[in-house]
PDB file of N, CA and C in Angstrom:
ATOM      1  N   MET A   1     321.143 184.465 -92.851  1.00  0.00           N
ATOM      2  CA  MET A   1     321.620 184.859 -91.536  1.00  0.00           C
ATOM      3  C   MET A   1     320.611 185.809 -90.902  1.00  0.00           C
ATOM      4  N   SER A   2     320.250 185.553 -89.649  1.00  0.00           N
ATOM      5  CA  SER A   2     319.276 186.412 -88.980  1.00  0.00           C
ATOM      6  C   SER A   2     319.951 187.668 -88.441  1.00  0.00           C
ATOM      7  N   GLN A   3     319.172 188.711 -88.333  1.00  0.00           N
ATOM      8  CA  GLN A   3     319.683 189.985 -87.848  1.00  0.00           C
ATOM      9  C   GLN A   3     319.821 189.942 -86.331  1.00  0.00           C
ATOM     10  N   GLN A   4     320.920 190.448 -85.809  1.00  0.00           N
ATOM     11  CA  GLN A   4     321.140 190.495 -84.372  1.00  0.00           C
ATOM     12  C   GLN A   4     320.602 191.796 -83.802  1.00  0.00           C
ATOM     13  N   ILE A   5     320.018 191.709 -82.608  1.00  0.00           N
ATOM     14  CA  ILE A   5     319.644 192.918 -81.886  1.00  0.00           C
ATOM     15  C   ILE A   5     320.791 193.268 -80.942  1.00  0.00           C
ATOM     16  N   ASP A   6     320.688 194.399 -80.247  1.00  0.00           N
ATOM     17  CA  ASP A   6     321.776 194.864 -79.385  1.00  0.00           C
ATOM     18  C   ASP A   6     321.955 194.019 -78.126  1.00  0.00           C
ATOM     19  N   LEU A   7     320.849 193.677 -77.454  1.00  0.00           N
ATOM     20  CA  LEU A   7     320.943 193.027 -76.143  1.00  0.00           C
ATOM     21  C   LEU A   7     319.779 192.086 -75.932  1.00  0.00           C
ATOM     22  N   VAL A   8     320.061 190.944 -75.322  1.00  0.00           N
ATOM     23  CA  VAL A   8     318.997 190.063 -74.834  1.00  0.00           C
ATOM     24  C   VAL A   8     319.338 189.669 -73.400  1.00  0.00           C
ATOM     25  N   ILE A   9     318.336 189.761 -72.546  1.00  0.00           N
ATOM     26  CA  ILE A   9     318.444 189.281 -71.170  1.00  0.00           C
ATOM     27  C   ILE A   9     317.615 188.003 -71.127  1.00  0.00           C
ATOM     28  N   ARG A  10     318.265 186.878 -70.870  1.00  0.00           N
ATOM     29  CA  ARG A  10     317.625 185.563 -71.009  1.00  0.00           C
ATOM     30  C   ARG A  10     317.095 185.007 -69.686  1.00  0.00           C
ATOM     31  N   GLN A  11     315.953 184.315 -69.795  1.00  0.00           N
ATOM     32  CA  GLN A  11     315.359 183.510 -68.727  1.00  0.00           C
ATOM     33  C   GLN A  11     315.057 184.304 -67.464  1.00  0.00           C
ATOM     34  N   ALA A  12     314.638 185.539 -67.607  1.00  0.00           N
ATOM     35  CA  ALA A  12     314.347 186.391 -66.457  1.00  0.00           C
ATOM     36  C   ALA A  12     312.856 186.371 -66.120  1.00  0.00           C
ATOM     37  N   GLN A  13     312.524 186.839 -64.931  1.00  0.00           N
ATOM     38  CA  GLN A  13     311.149 187.095 -64.532  1.00  0.00           C
ATOM     39  C   GLN A  13     310.894 188.565 -64.883  1.00  0.00           C
ATOM     40  N   ILE A  14     310.041 188.831 -65.865  1.00  0.00           N
ATOM     41  CA  ILE A  14     309.826 190.182 -66.380  1.00  0.00           C
ATOM     42  C   ILE A  14     308.482 190.698 -65.881  1.00  0.00           C
ATOM     43  N   VAL A  15     308.501 191.813 -65.155  1.00  0.00           N
ATOM     44  CA  VAL A  15     307.280 192.406 -64.620  1.00  0.00           C
ATOM     45  C   VAL A  15     306.655 193.281 -65.700  1.00  0.00           C
ATOM     46  N   THR A  16     305.398 192.981 -66.052  1.00  0.00           N
ATOM     47  CA  THR A  16     304.646 193.761 -67.038  1.00  0.00           C
ATOM     48  C   THR A  16     303.356 194.237 -66.385  1.00  0.00           C
ATOM     49  N   PRO A  17     302.627 195.159 -66.999  1.00  0.00           N
ATOM     50  CA  PRO A  17     301.335 195.579 -66.431  1.00  0.00           C
ATOM     51  C   PRO A  17     300.347 194.419 -66.286  1.00  0.00           C
ATOM     52  N   GLU A  18     300.503 193.381 -67.087  1.00  0.00           N
ATOM     53  CA  GLU A  18     299.600 192.229 -67.036  1.00  0.00           C
ATOM     54  C   GLU A  18     300.020 191.191 -66.007  1.00  0.00           C
ATOM     55  N   GLY A  19     301.219 191.300 -65.472  1.00  0.00           N
ATOM     56  CA  GLY A  19     301.734 190.324 -64.515  1.00  0.00           C
ATOM     57  C   GLY A  19     303.186 189.999 -64.803  1.00  0.00           C
ATOM     58  N   VAL A  20     303.641 188.888 -64.254  1.00  0.00           N
ATOM     59  CA  VAL A  20     305.039 188.480 -64.424  1.00  0.00           C
ATOM     60  C   VAL A  20     305.128 187.445 -65.543  1.00  0.00           C
ATOM     61  N   VAL A  21     306.053 187.675 -66.463  1.00  0.00           N
ATOM     62  CA  VAL A  21     306.288 186.785 -67.600  1.00  0.00           C
ATOM     63  C   VAL A  21     307.698 186.228 -67.455  1.00  0.00           C
ATOM     64  N   GLU A  22     307.869 184.945 -67.672  1.00  0.00           N
ATOM     65  CA  GLU A  22     309.207 184.365 -67.655  1.00  0.00           C
ATOM     66  C   GLU A  22     309.692 184.195 -69.087  1.00  0.00           C
ATOM     67  N   GLY A  23     310.901 184.665 -69.358  1.00  0.00           N
ATOM     68  CA  GLY A  23     311.438 184.529 -70.706  1.00  0.00           C
ATOM     69  C   GLY A  23     312.535 185.528 -70.985  1.00  0.00           C
ATOM     70  N   ASP A  24     312.677 185.873 -72.261  1.00  0.00           N
ATOM     71  CA  ASP A  24     313.736 186.778 -72.715  1.00  0.00           C
ATOM     72  C   ASP A  24     313.199 188.194 -72.896  1.00  0.00           C
ATOM     73  N   LEU A  25     314.081 189.164 -72.682  1.00  0.00           N
ATOM     74  CA  LEU A  25     313.762 190.564 -72.947  1.00  0.00           C
ATOM     75  C   LEU A  25     314.767 191.058 -73.979  1.00  0.00           C
ATOM     76  N   GLY A  26     314.279 191.526 -75.125  1.00  0.00           N
ATOM     77  CA  GLY A  26     315.150 191.999 -76.192  1.00  0.00           C
ATOM     78  C   GLY A  26     315.166 193.515 -76.268  1.00  0.00           C
ATOM     79  N   VAL A  27     316.355 194.083 -76.480  1.00  0.00           N
ATOM     80  CA  VAL A  27     316.525 195.532 -76.599  1.00  0.00           C
ATOM     81  C   VAL A  27     317.326 195.813 -77.863  1.00  0.00           C
ATOM     82  N   ASP A  28     316.838 196.757 -78.667  1.00  0.00           N
ATOM     83  CA  ASP A  28     317.547 197.143 -79.884  1.00  0.00           C
ATOM     84  C   ASP A  28     317.370 198.637 -80.095  1.00  0.00           C
ATOM     85  N   GLY A  29     318.454 199.336 -80.323  1.00  0.00           N
ATOM     86  CA  GLY A  29     318.391 200.773 -80.538  1.00  0.00           C
ATOM     87  C   GLY A  29     317.860 201.530 -79.331  1.00  0.00           C
ATOM     88  N   GLY A  30     318.100 200.995 -78.127  1.00  0.00           N
ATOM     89  CA  GLY A  30     317.651 201.657 -76.912  1.00  0.00           C
ATOM     90  C   GLY A  30     316.183 201.448 -76.583  1.00  0.00           C
ATOM     91  N   ARG A  31     315.501 200.593 -77.327  1.00  0.00           N
ATOM     92  CA  ARG A  31     314.073 200.326 -77.100  1.00  0.00           C
ATOM     93  C   ARG A  31     313.840 198.841 -76.876  1.00  0.00           C
ATOM     94  N   ILE A  32     312.884 198.535 -76.014  1.00  0.00           N
ATOM     95  CA  ILE A  32     312.497 197.148 -75.795  1.00  0.00           C
ATOM     96  C   ILE A  32     311.768 196.666 -77.038  1.00  0.00           C
ATOM     97  N   THR A  33     312.235 195.558 -77.606  1.00  0.00           N
ATOM     98  CA  THR A  33     311.640 195.044 -78.840  1.00  0.00           C
ATOM     99  C   THR A  33     310.868 193.751 -78.638  1.00  0.00           C
ATOM    100  N   SER A  34     311.131 193.038 -77.553  1.00  0.00           N
ATOM    101  CA  SER A  34     310.379 191.811 -77.282  1.00  0.00           C
ATOM    102  C   SER A  34     310.391 191.509 -75.793  1.00  0.00           C
ATOM    103  N   VAL A  35     309.280 190.948 -75.327  1.00  0.00           N
ATOM    104  CA  VAL A  35     309.132 190.589 -73.920  1.00  0.00           C
ATOM    105  C   VAL A  35     308.580 189.173 -73.846  1.00  0.00           C
ATOM    106  N   GLY A  36     309.342 188.282 -73.249  1.00  0.00           N
ATOM    107  CA  GLY A  36     308.865 186.933 -73.002  1.00  0.00           C
ATOM    108  C   GLY A  36     309.148 185.919 -74.085  1.00  0.00           C
ATOM    109  N   THR A  37     309.303 186.365 -75.319  1.00  0.00           N
ATOM    110  CA  THR A  37     309.530 185.439 -76.427  1.00  0.00           C
ATOM    111  C   THR A  37     311.027 185.202 -76.622  1.00  0.00           C
ATOM    112  N   PRO A  38     311.409 184.033 -77.092  1.00  0.00           N
ATOM    113  CA  PRO A  38     312.833 183.760 -77.314  1.00  0.00           C
ATOM    114  C   PRO A  38     313.444 184.704 -78.356  1.00  0.00           C
ATOM    115  N   VAL A  39     314.628 185.200 -78.067  1.00  0.00           N
ATOM    116  CA  VAL A  39     315.369 186.060 -78.991  1.00  0.00           C
ATOM    117  C   VAL A  39     316.568 185.249 -79.475  1.00  0.00           C
ATOM    118  N   PRO A  40     316.637 184.945 -80.770  1.00  0.00           N
ATOM    119  CA  PRO A  40     317.674 184.034 -81.248  1.00  0.00           C
ATOM    120  C   PRO A  40     319.094 184.590 -81.256  1.00  0.00           C
ATOM    121  N   ALA A  41     319.273 185.871 -81.553  1.00  0.00           N
ATOM    122  CA  ALA A  41     320.633 186.392 -81.710  1.00  0.00           C
ATOM    123  C   ALA A  41     320.728 187.816 -81.182  1.00  0.00           C
ATOM    124  N   ALA A  42     321.818 188.090 -80.449  1.00  0.00           N
ATOM    125  CA  ALA A  42     322.057 189.438 -79.938  1.00  0.00           C
ATOM    126  C   ALA A  42     323.558 189.662 -79.822  1.00  0.00           C
ATOM    127  N   ARG A  43     323.959 190.913 -79.917  1.00  0.00           N
ATOM    128  CA  ARG A  43     325.378 191.258 -79.786  1.00  0.00           C
ATOM    129  C   ARG A  43     325.868 191.023 -78.358  1.00  0.00           C
ATOM    130  N   ARG A  44     324.977 191.269 -77.385  1.00  0.00           N
ATOM    131  CA  ARG A  44     325.315 191.067 -75.972  1.00  0.00           C
ATOM    132  C   ARG A  44     324.215 190.231 -75.338  1.00  0.00           C
ATOM    133  N   VAL A  45     324.597 189.239 -74.552  1.00  0.00           N
ATOM    134  CA  VAL A  45     323.642 188.356 -73.890  1.00  0.00           C
ATOM    135  C   VAL A  45     323.925 188.356 -72.396  1.00  0.00           C
ATOM    136  N   ILE A  46     322.882 188.570 -71.605  1.00  0.00           N
ATOM    137  CA  ILE A  46     322.980 188.472 -70.153  1.00  0.00           C
ATOM    138  C   ILE A  46     322.091 187.316 -69.718  1.00  0.00           C
ATOM    139  N   GLU A  47     322.685 186.319 -69.082  1.00  0.00           N
ATOM    140  CA  GLU A  47     321.917 185.195 -68.546  1.00  0.00           C
ATOM    141  C   GLU A  47     321.378 185.619 -67.180  1.00  0.00           C
ATOM    142  N   ALA A  48     320.058 185.545 -66.997  1.00  0.00           N
ATOM    143  CA  ALA A  48     319.455 186.054 -65.764  1.00  0.00           C
ATOM    144  C   ALA A  48     318.394 185.119 -65.190  1.00  0.00           C
ATOM    145  N   PRO A  49     318.649 183.810 -65.130  1.00  0.00           N
ATOM    146  CA  PRO A  49     317.623 182.924 -64.584  1.00  0.00           C
ATOM    147  C   PRO A  49     317.315 183.268 -63.126  1.00  0.00           C
ATOM    148  N   GLY A  50     316.028 183.399 -62.828  1.00  0.00           N
ATOM    149  CA  GLY A  50     315.602 183.726 -61.474  1.00  0.00           C
ATOM    150  C   GLY A  50     315.695 185.198 -61.115  1.00  0.00           C
ATOM    151  N   ARG A  51     316.211 186.022 -62.007  1.00  0.00           N
ATOM    152  CA  ARG A  51     316.340 187.465 -61.741  1.00  0.00           C
ATOM    153  C   ARG A  51     315.062 188.183 -62.147  1.00  0.00           C
ATOM    154  N   LEU A  52     314.771 189.273 -61.484  1.00  0.00           N
ATOM    155  CA  LEU A  52     313.569 190.057 -61.740  1.00  0.00           C
ATOM    156  C   LEU A  52     313.934 191.300 -62.545  1.00  0.00           C
ATOM    157  N   ILE A  53     313.181 191.557 -63.621  1.00  0.00           N
ATOM    158  CA  ILE A  53     313.381 192.744 -64.458  1.00  0.00           C
ATOM    159  C   ILE A  53     312.079 193.529 -64.454  1.00  0.00           C
ATOM    160  N   MET A  54     312.180 194.845 -64.290  1.00  0.00           N
ATOM    161  CA  MET A  54     311.004 195.705 -64.315  1.00  0.00           C
ATOM    162  C   MET A  54     311.232 196.797 -65.357  1.00  0.00           C
ATOM    163  N   PRO A  55     311.046 196.466 -66.650  1.00  0.00           N
ATOM    164  CA  PRO A  55     311.328 197.441 -67.708  1.00  0.00           C
ATOM    165  C   PRO A  55     310.270 198.535 -67.788  1.00  0.00           C
ATOM    166  N   GLY A  56     310.709 199.722 -68.123  1.00  0.00           N
ATOM    167  CA  GLY A  56     309.772 200.819 -68.372  1.00  0.00           C
ATOM    168  C   GLY A  56     308.921 201.178 -67.179  1.00  0.00           C
ATOM    169  N   GLY A  57     309.501 201.189 -65.995  1.00  0.00           N
ATOM    170  CA  GLY A  57     308.733 201.501 -64.791  1.00  0.00           C
ATOM    171  C   GLY A  57     308.389 202.977 -64.700  1.00  0.00           C
ATOM    172  N   VAL A  58     307.577 203.461 -65.625  1.00  0.00           N
ATOM    173  CA  VAL A  58     307.187 204.866 -65.668  1.00  0.00           C
ATOM    174  C   VAL A  58     305.686 204.953 -65.449  1.00  0.00           C
ATOM    175  N   ASP A  59     305.263 205.814 -64.543  1.00  0.00           N
ATOM    176  CA  ASP A  59     303.833 206.001 -64.295  1.00  0.00           C
ATOM    177  C   ASP A  59     303.313 207.017 -65.301  1.00  0.00           C
ATOM    178  N   VAL A  60     302.628 206.537 -66.331  1.00  0.00           N
ATOM    179  CA  VAL A  60     302.141 207.427 -67.386  1.00  0.00           C
ATOM    180  C   VAL A  60     300.927 208.231 -66.946  1.00  0.00           C
ATOM    181  N   HIS A  61     300.403 207.959 -65.760  1.00  0.00           N
ATOM    182  CA  HIS A  61     299.232 208.681 -65.260  1.00  0.00           C
ATOM    183  C   HIS A  61     299.608 209.854 -64.356  1.00  0.00           C
ATOM    184  N   ALA A  62     300.899 210.048 -64.130  1.00  0.00           N
ATOM    185  CA  ALA A  62     301.328 211.119 -63.226  1.00  0.00           C
ATOM    186  C   ALA A  62     301.320 212.460 -63.920  1.00  0.00           C
TER     187      ALA A  62
END
């Protein structure tokens, strides 16, 4: 049996510093654990096709 993470947001447009990635965003323990790759199991799933996600929008240069 595979281990479940806390949350997966599926099929979203994910904004990263490198550009926009389409796929899943996985969150476990309050931290982003995967961006763009399929996440097989999660306790909570949000279907977000066509939705835009901008995780970690923090300016580290400020």
